[in-house]
Protein backbone atom coordinates (compact mmCIF):
# COMPACT_ATOMS: atom_id res chain seq x y z
CA MET A 1 156.10 32.35 45.97
CA ARG A 2 153.50 34.26 48.01
CA GLU A 3 153.11 36.86 45.27
CA LEU A 4 152.59 34.11 42.68
CA LEU A 5 149.93 32.47 44.84
CA ARG A 6 148.22 35.81 45.38
CA LEU A 7 148.07 36.57 41.65
CA THR A 8 146.67 33.13 40.80
CA PRO A 9 144.01 32.40 43.43
CA ALA A 10 142.60 28.87 43.23
CA PRO A 11 138.88 29.85 43.26
CA THR A 12 139.26 31.88 40.05
CA ARG A 13 141.60 29.56 38.15
CA ASP A 14 141.41 25.96 37.03
CA ARG A 15 144.88 24.90 38.06
CA ALA A 16 144.41 21.44 36.56
CA THR A 17 144.49 23.08 33.11
CA ASP A 18 147.83 24.69 33.91
CA ALA A 19 149.16 21.40 35.26
CA LEU A 20 148.17 19.58 32.06
CA ARG A 21 149.83 22.27 29.94
CA ALA A 22 153.03 21.95 31.98
CA VAL A 23 152.98 18.14 31.60
CA ALA A 24 152.49 18.53 27.85
CA ILE A 25 155.37 20.94 27.31
CA LEU A 26 157.75 19.00 29.57
CA GLY A 27 156.82 15.80 27.76
CA VAL A 28 157.75 17.34 24.40
CA ILE A 29 161.07 18.61 25.76
CA LEU A 30 162.12 15.37 27.44
CA GLY A 31 160.99 13.37 24.43
CA HIS A 32 163.18 15.39 22.08
CA TRP A 33 166.16 15.21 24.41
CA LEU A 34 165.87 11.43 24.71
CA VAL A 35 165.30 10.47 21.07
CA THR A 36 167.36 13.13 19.27
CA ALA A 37 171.07 12.48 18.83
CA LEU A 38 173.67 14.52 16.95
CA VAL A 39 176.34 12.07 15.87
CA ALA A 40 179.79 13.37 14.99
CA SER A 41 181.24 11.83 11.82
CA PRO A 42 185.03 11.41 11.25
CA GLY A 43 185.00 14.52 9.05
CA GLY A 44 183.53 16.64 11.84
CA ALA A 45 180.02 16.95 10.41
CA LEU A 46 176.99 16.38 12.60
CA ARG A 47 174.07 14.24 11.51
CA ALA A 48 170.79 13.58 13.25
CA ALA A 49 170.02 10.07 14.51
CA SER A 50 167.52 8.42 16.82
CA PRO A 51 167.82 5.45 19.19
CA LEU A 52 164.37 4.36 18.00
CA ALA A 53 165.89 3.44 14.62
CA SER A 54 168.33 0.86 16.02
CA MET A 55 166.35 -0.11 19.12
CA PRO A 56 162.68 -0.34 18.11
CA TRP A 57 161.83 -1.89 21.48
CA LEU A 58 162.11 1.66 22.83
CA ALA A 59 158.80 2.58 21.16
CA PRO A 60 157.00 2.84 24.55
CA VAL A 61 159.23 5.83 25.31
CA SER A 62 157.45 7.69 22.53
CA TRP A 63 154.09 6.76 24.07
CA THR A 64 155.12 8.52 27.26
CA PHE A 65 156.61 11.68 25.83
CA GLN A 66 154.51 12.29 22.72
CA THR A 67 152.17 14.79 24.39
CA LEU A 68 151.22 17.07 21.50
CA ALA A 69 147.59 15.91 21.52
CA LEU A 70 147.36 16.94 25.16
CA PHE A 71 148.81 20.34 24.31
CA PHE A 72 146.29 20.86 21.49
CA MET A 73 143.38 19.83 23.72
CA VAL A 74 144.42 22.25 26.45
CA GLY A 75 145.03 24.90 23.79
CA GLY A 76 141.55 24.46 22.35
CA HIS A 77 140.02 24.62 25.82
CA VAL A 78 141.93 27.75 26.82
CA ALA A 79 141.37 29.55 23.49
CA THR A 80 137.63 28.86 23.53
CA ARG A 81 137.35 30.00 27.11
CA SER A 82 139.45 33.07 26.34
CA ARG A 83 137.20 34.03 23.43
CA ILE A 84 134.11 33.68 25.65
CA SER A 85 135.76 35.95 28.23
CA SER A 86 136.85 38.52 25.65
CA ARG A 87 133.36 38.65 24.19
CA ALA A 88 131.96 39.23 27.68
CA ARG A 89 134.30 42.22 27.99
CA GLY A 90 133.12 43.57 24.65
CA GLU A 91 136.45 42.91 22.91
CA THR A 92 136.44 42.44 19.14
CA TYR A 93 137.63 39.26 17.46
CA GLY A 94 140.50 41.16 15.81
CA GLY A 95 141.79 42.54 19.10
CA TRP A 96 141.53 39.16 20.77
CA LEU A 97 143.34 37.40 17.93
CA ARG A 98 146.17 39.96 17.80
CA LYS A 99 146.92 39.39 21.47
CA ARG A 100 146.78 35.60 21.13
CA LEU A 101 149.12 35.56 18.13
CA ALA A 102 151.50 38.08 19.69
CA ARG A 103 152.07 35.67 22.57
CA LEU A 104 152.94 32.96 20.06
CA PHE A 105 155.13 34.80 17.57
CA THR A 106 156.88 37.64 19.40
CA PRO A 107 159.32 35.23 21.13
CA VAL A 108 160.01 33.62 17.73
CA ALA A 109 161.79 36.77 16.51
CA ALA A 110 164.70 36.24 18.90
CA LEU A 111 165.07 32.59 17.87
CA LEU A 112 165.12 33.42 14.16
CA ALA A 113 167.57 36.29 14.61
CA LEU A 114 170.02 34.20 16.62
CA TRP A 115 169.93 31.18 14.33
CA THR A 116 170.29 33.31 11.22
CA ALA A 117 173.49 34.71 12.69
CA ILE A 118 174.66 31.23 13.74
CA ALA A 119 174.00 29.75 10.28
CA VAL A 120 175.95 32.53 8.55
CA SER A 121 178.82 32.18 11.03
CA LEU A 122 178.96 28.40 10.57
CA LEU A 123 179.08 28.68 6.79
CA LEU A 124 181.75 31.40 6.88
CA GLY A 125 183.70 29.33 9.40
CA GLY A 126 183.86 26.36 7.05
CA ALA A 127 181.12 24.15 8.49
CA THR A 128 179.72 21.61 6.06
CA PRO A 129 176.28 22.27 4.55
CA ILE A 130 175.10 18.98 6.10
CA THR A 131 175.96 20.25 9.58
CA VAL A 132 174.27 23.61 9.01
CA HIS A 133 171.16 21.93 7.59
CA THR A 134 171.00 19.48 10.52
CA VAL A 135 171.23 22.08 13.26
CA LEU A 136 168.85 24.51 11.55
CA LYS A 137 166.29 21.77 10.99
CA LEU A 138 166.39 20.79 14.66
CA ALA A 139 166.44 24.35 15.99
CA LEU A 140 163.54 25.56 13.85
CA SER A 141 161.47 22.37 13.91
CA PRO A 142 159.23 23.71 16.74
CA LEU A 143 157.93 26.38 14.35
CA TRP A 144 155.73 23.96 12.39
CA PHE A 145 153.74 23.41 15.56
CA LEU A 146 153.24 27.13 16.06
CA LEU A 147 151.94 27.61 12.52
CA VAL A 148 149.32 24.87 12.95
CA PHE A 149 148.40 26.08 16.43
CA ALA A 150 148.09 29.68 15.21
CA ALA A 151 145.78 28.63 12.36
CA LEU A 152 143.54 26.71 14.75
CA THR A 153 143.57 29.63 17.20
CA ALA A 154 142.44 32.00 14.46
CA ALA A 155 139.60 29.65 13.58
CA THR A 156 138.47 29.20 17.20
CA PRO A 157 135.10 30.99 16.77
CA LEU A 158 134.28 28.61 13.90
CA LEU A 159 135.63 25.52 15.66
CA SER A 160 134.09 26.12 19.07
CA ARG A 161 130.97 24.10 18.12
CA LEU A 162 132.58 21.56 15.79
CA ASN A 163 132.13 17.94 16.81
CA PRO A 164 135.55 16.17 17.00
CA LEU A 165 134.08 13.27 15.01
CA TRP A 166 134.17 15.35 11.81
CA PRO A 167 137.96 15.88 11.66
CA LEU A 168 138.41 12.31 12.93
CA ALA A 169 136.39 11.10 9.91
CA VAL A 170 138.67 13.11 7.62
CA VAL A 171 141.76 11.45 9.10
CA LEU A 172 140.17 8.02 8.72
CA HIS A 173 139.33 8.56 5.05
CA VAL A 174 142.72 10.08 4.24
CA ASP A 175 144.50 7.03 5.69
CA LEU A 176 142.08 4.67 3.97
CA VAL A 177 142.86 6.21 0.58
CA ARG A 178 146.57 6.62 1.29
CA PHE A 179 147.33 3.16 2.74
CA GLY A 180 144.37 1.01 1.77
CA LEU A 181 143.84 2.16 -1.81
CA GLY A 182 147.40 3.14 -2.72
CA GLY A 183 146.70 6.88 -2.89
CA PRO A 184 149.42 9.52 -3.21
CA ALA A 185 151.68 10.13 -0.22
CA TRP A 186 151.08 13.90 -0.30
CA LEU A 187 147.45 13.28 0.65
CA GLY A 188 148.65 12.51 4.16
CA TRP A 189 149.44 16.18 4.73
CA VAL A 190 145.71 16.88 4.90
CA ASN A 191 145.98 15.28 8.33
CA LEU A 192 148.38 17.98 9.50
CA ALA A 193 145.30 20.14 10.05
CA ALA A 194 142.63 17.48 10.51
CA GLY A 195 144.70 15.35 12.90
CA TRP A 196 145.42 18.14 15.38
CA LEU A 197 141.94 19.53 14.93
CA VAL A 198 140.59 16.46 16.74
CA PRO A 199 142.15 17.22 20.17
CA TYR A 200 141.67 20.97 19.63
CA THR A 201 137.91 20.53 19.21
CA LEU A 202 137.93 18.18 22.19
CA GLY A 203 139.23 21.15 24.15
CA ALA A 204 136.31 23.23 22.91
CA ALA A 205 133.92 20.46 23.97
CA TRP A 206 135.58 20.53 27.40
CA THR A 207 134.81 24.26 27.61
CA ARG A 208 131.18 23.61 26.66
CA GLY A 209 130.90 21.22 29.60
CA GLU A 210 130.44 18.10 27.48
CA LEU A 211 133.40 16.20 28.96
CA GLU A 212 132.76 16.71 32.66
CA ARG A 213 131.42 13.24 33.40
CA PRO A 214 134.01 10.49 34.02
CA ARG A 215 132.45 8.27 31.36
CA ALA A 216 133.64 10.72 28.67
CA GLY A 217 137.24 10.32 29.83
CA TRP A 218 136.92 6.55 30.07
CA ALA A 219 135.36 6.31 26.61
CA LEU A 220 138.24 8.29 25.08
CA LEU A 221 140.90 6.39 27.03
CA VAL A 222 139.62 2.86 26.37
CA GLY A 223 138.36 3.50 22.84
CA GLY A 224 141.54 5.29 21.79
CA ALA A 225 143.85 2.71 23.36
CA VAL A 226 142.05 -0.30 21.86
CA THR A 227 141.86 1.28 18.41
CA THR A 228 145.54 2.22 18.50
CA ALA A 229 146.49 -1.32 19.52
CA VAL A 230 144.49 -2.75 16.62
CA LEU A 231 146.04 -0.30 14.14
CA VAL A 232 149.59 -1.07 15.30
CA GLY A 233 149.11 -4.81 15.79
CA TRP A 234 147.04 -5.69 12.72
CA ALA A 235 146.96 -2.73 10.32
CA GLY A 236 150.71 -2.23 10.00
CA TYR A 237 151.04 1.22 11.60
CA PRO A 238 154.39 1.97 13.28
CA ALA A 239 154.56 1.41 17.03
CA SER A 240 156.53 4.61 17.58
CA MET A 241 154.40 7.74 17.95
CA VAL A 242 157.23 9.99 16.76
CA GLY A 243 159.18 10.03 13.53
CA VAL A 244 162.03 7.54 13.16
CA PRO A 245 164.82 8.33 10.65
CA GLY A 246 164.74 5.89 7.74
CA ALA A 247 161.27 4.53 8.51
CA ALA A 248 158.92 4.10 5.55
CA VAL A 249 155.96 5.56 7.47
CA SER A 250 155.90 8.11 10.27
CA ASN A 251 152.99 8.42 12.67
CA LEU A 252 153.78 12.09 13.18
CA ASN A 253 154.92 13.60 9.89
CA PRO A 254 152.16 13.78 8.82
CA PRO A 255 149.84 12.53 11.59
CA THR A 256 148.24 9.16 10.96
CA LEU A 257 145.03 7.67 12.29
CA ALA A 258 147.09 5.75 14.86
CA ALA A 259 148.63 8.98 16.18
CA VAL A 260 145.19 10.57 16.44
CA THR A 261 143.59 7.62 18.26
CA PHE A 262 146.59 7.47 20.57
CA GLY A 263 146.04 11.17 21.24
CA LEU A 264 142.39 10.48 22.07
CA ALA A 265 143.47 7.93 24.67
CA GLN A 266 145.94 10.40 26.10
CA CYS A 267 143.28 13.14 26.27
CA GLY A 268 140.89 10.75 27.98
CA LEU A 269 143.48 9.97 30.64
CA ALA A 270 144.09 13.70 31.14
CA LEU A 271 140.38 14.34 31.65
CA LEU A 272 140.21 11.61 34.28
CA LEU A 273 143.19 13.11 36.11
CA ARG A 274 141.72 16.60 36.43
CA GLU A 275 140.39 16.21 39.96
CA PRO A 276 143.57 14.60 41.36
CA LEU A 277 145.57 17.38 39.70
CA ARG A 278 143.36 20.08 41.22
CA ARG A 279 143.96 18.61 44.65
CA ALA A 280 147.70 18.35 44.01
CA MET A 281 147.81 21.98 42.89
CA GLU A 282 146.52 23.07 46.30
CA ARG A 283 150.04 22.44 47.57
CA PRO A 284 151.99 25.71 47.26
CA LEU A 285 155.24 24.08 46.14
CA ALA A 286 153.60 22.01 43.39
CA TRP A 287 151.57 24.96 42.13
CA THR A 288 154.61 27.25 42.12
CA ALA A 289 156.53 24.79 39.92
CA VAL A 290 153.60 24.46 37.49
CA ALA A 291 153.03 28.22 37.41
CA LEU A 292 156.70 28.91 36.63
CA VAL A 293 156.58 26.46 33.72
CA ASN A 294 153.42 28.11 32.40
CA LEU A 295 154.98 31.56 32.63
CA SER A 296 157.81 30.36 30.36
CA THR A 297 155.98 27.92 28.10
CA MET A 298 156.93 29.54 24.80
CA THR A 299 160.54 30.16 25.81
CA LEU A 300 160.98 26.56 26.98
CA PHE A 301 159.40 25.20 23.82
CA LEU A 302 161.34 27.37 21.39
CA TRP A 303 164.77 27.03 22.98
CA HIS A 304 164.95 23.44 24.23
CA GLN A 305 166.47 22.16 20.98
CA THR A 306 168.95 25.03 21.00
CA ALA A 307 170.01 23.97 24.51
CA LEU A 308 170.63 20.43 23.26
CA MET A 309 172.68 21.63 20.29
CA ALA A 310 174.66 24.19 22.29
CA THR A 311 175.67 21.47 24.73
CA THR A 312 176.55 19.09 21.91
CA ALA A 313 178.61 21.63 19.97
CA THR A 314 180.48 22.92 23.03
CA ALA A 315 181.28 19.45 24.35
CA LEU A 316 182.59 18.41 20.93
CA LEU A 317 185.69 20.51 21.68
CA ALA A 318 186.64 17.81 24.20
CA GLY A 319 186.21 15.08 21.58
CA PRO A 320 183.30 12.71 20.90
CA LEU A 321 181.58 11.94 24.19
CA PRO A 322 179.34 8.94 24.98
CA GLY A 323 175.63 9.66 24.97
CA LEU A 324 176.18 12.96 23.20
CA HIS A 325 178.19 12.46 20.00
CA THR A 326 178.19 8.68 19.69
CA SER A 327 175.75 6.63 17.67
CA PRO A 328 172.59 5.76 19.66
CA ASP A 329 172.63 2.06 18.96
CA ASP A 330 172.92 0.31 22.33
CA PRO A 331 171.45 0.48 25.86
CA HIS A 332 174.65 2.05 27.18
CA TRP A 333 173.90 5.16 25.10
CA ILE A 334 170.51 5.43 26.80
CA ALA A 335 171.97 5.17 30.29
CA VAL A 336 174.58 7.84 29.57
CA ARG A 337 172.00 10.04 27.85
CA PHE A 338 170.03 10.31 31.09
CA LEU A 339 173.17 11.75 32.71
CA TRP A 340 173.21 14.54 30.12
CA LEU A 341 169.62 15.63 30.82
CA PRO A 342 170.54 17.88 33.80
CA VAL A 343 173.15 19.58 31.60
CA PHE A 344 170.55 20.23 28.89
CA ALA A 345 168.22 21.60 31.56
CA LEU A 346 170.91 23.91 32.90
CA VAL A 347 171.66 25.30 29.44
CA LEU A 348 167.93 25.71 28.80
CA GLY A 349 167.73 27.68 32.03
CA VAL A 350 170.42 30.02 30.68
CA CYS A 351 168.44 30.43 27.46
CA CYS A 352 165.32 31.23 29.47
CA ALA A 353 167.16 33.84 31.50
CA ALA A 354 168.40 35.45 28.29
CA PHE A 355 165.24 35.32 26.16
CA HIS A 356 162.27 35.08 28.52
CA GLY A 357 161.91 38.87 28.28
CA PHE A 358 160.32 38.48 24.85
CA GLU A 359 157.59 36.25 26.27
CA ARG A 360 157.16 38.35 29.41
CA ARG A 361 156.77 41.48 27.32
CA THR A 362 153.77 40.06 25.46
CA GLY A 363 152.13 38.66 28.58
CA LYS A 364 152.64 41.47 31.08
CA ARG A 365 149.73 43.64 30.00
CA SER A 366 147.29 40.74 29.65
CA ARG A 367 148.20 39.47 33.12
CA ARG A 368 147.47 42.92 34.58
CA VAL A 369 144.09 42.92 32.88
CA ARG A 370 143.32 39.40 34.06
CA GLY A 371 144.41 40.27 37.59
CA GLY A 372 141.96 43.17 37.74
CA ARG A 373 139.05 41.45 36.05
CA SER A 374 139.57 37.78 36.68
CA ARG A 375 136.70 37.39 39.14
CA VAL A 376 134.19 39.15 36.88
CA VAL A 377 135.31 37.20 33.82
CA HIS A 378 135.21 33.94 35.78
CA VAL A 379 131.61 34.55 36.81
CA ARG A 380 130.60 35.37 33.24
CA TYR A 381 132.46 32.37 31.88
CA ARG A 382 130.85 30.05 34.44
CA SER A 383 127.46 31.46 33.53
CA GLU A 384 127.98 30.79 29.82
CA THR A 385 129.38 27.30 30.33
CA THR A 386 126.63 26.47 32.83
CA ARG A 387 124.00 27.46 30.29
CA ALA A 388 125.77 25.37 27.63
CA LYS A 389 125.92 22.39 29.97
CA SER A 390 122.25 22.75 30.86
CA VAL A 391 121.30 22.69 27.19
CA HIS A 392 123.55 19.67 26.63
CA ASP A 393 122.10 17.75 29.59
CA ALA A 394 118.57 18.56 28.46
């Protein structure tokens, strides 16, 4: 713990950013574990189901654990700040981008290799194609996020000055044509980029110092919440902020205007919580927990669905178990599901122990560089952001 505190001194690191990233990744993991069920059919096949389909009153659960907008905002903030720092060191765009993408995609190799072997073994062992398709879809579903995030990371120098209102206008017009004018459904996929570009460019605005005043956070929180309520209550958007099997419209695949405005509210709340989080992170125990999550962000994100499926498949040997293999159609399933969460976490811990080396390998050199130059980079970064804020205030 002392070594971790020494390597991440509070004066040279905004620990609130790390806390928000940890909240975002844990929200995604818990959300998936709570709303994803693998139901065993009489023939032994597994099919995906969700308690949100049979119990729509659970929609508020998705409001709590749908934290992707927060992750994109923090990602945009960190990437913009990182590019400013790399430029101050004289690093080229190509060198900076290679390091950023290596941190994203090097850990993916282990996931793809393992699941390729599992898929082949399942097929050779007589598993039904439905089962293989279900588990592969769940295991590899996190990769769509990485592709979008990588594209936005690559475009960071172009996006660092983009006003979030521009991508928000794109989302608005796409939904207007799609839902209001009966446009084609495929048009919604334009929002896969535009929708997540909104919080990403908010992160860049945060770096520029444009979101420091509390009124910015309040405007995003209140404006986003009211707009989302109007869209859900009067415009017919789904209440759930995640996909629900069998639903005619999903707020997430692709993102809708309601998902984006909900994300704006979430980002506003996060901005308002920065100071309380900074104070909380002064406590060694709290900071150690957040730092450990941040050191394993990619591993946790990539392997959390594998942990769920490994638990489900192994426990199936004992027969269908409540909250794990049964249909998620009553409150009893929810209560039992909470009891399985520590088991999922334990299996995820095993996955982290086995595969964290891929993430550590890509981050070791950059952490050494940051450790030696962090104070110089911090001063340069503060100088640039102070100048940007002065221009903005003027």
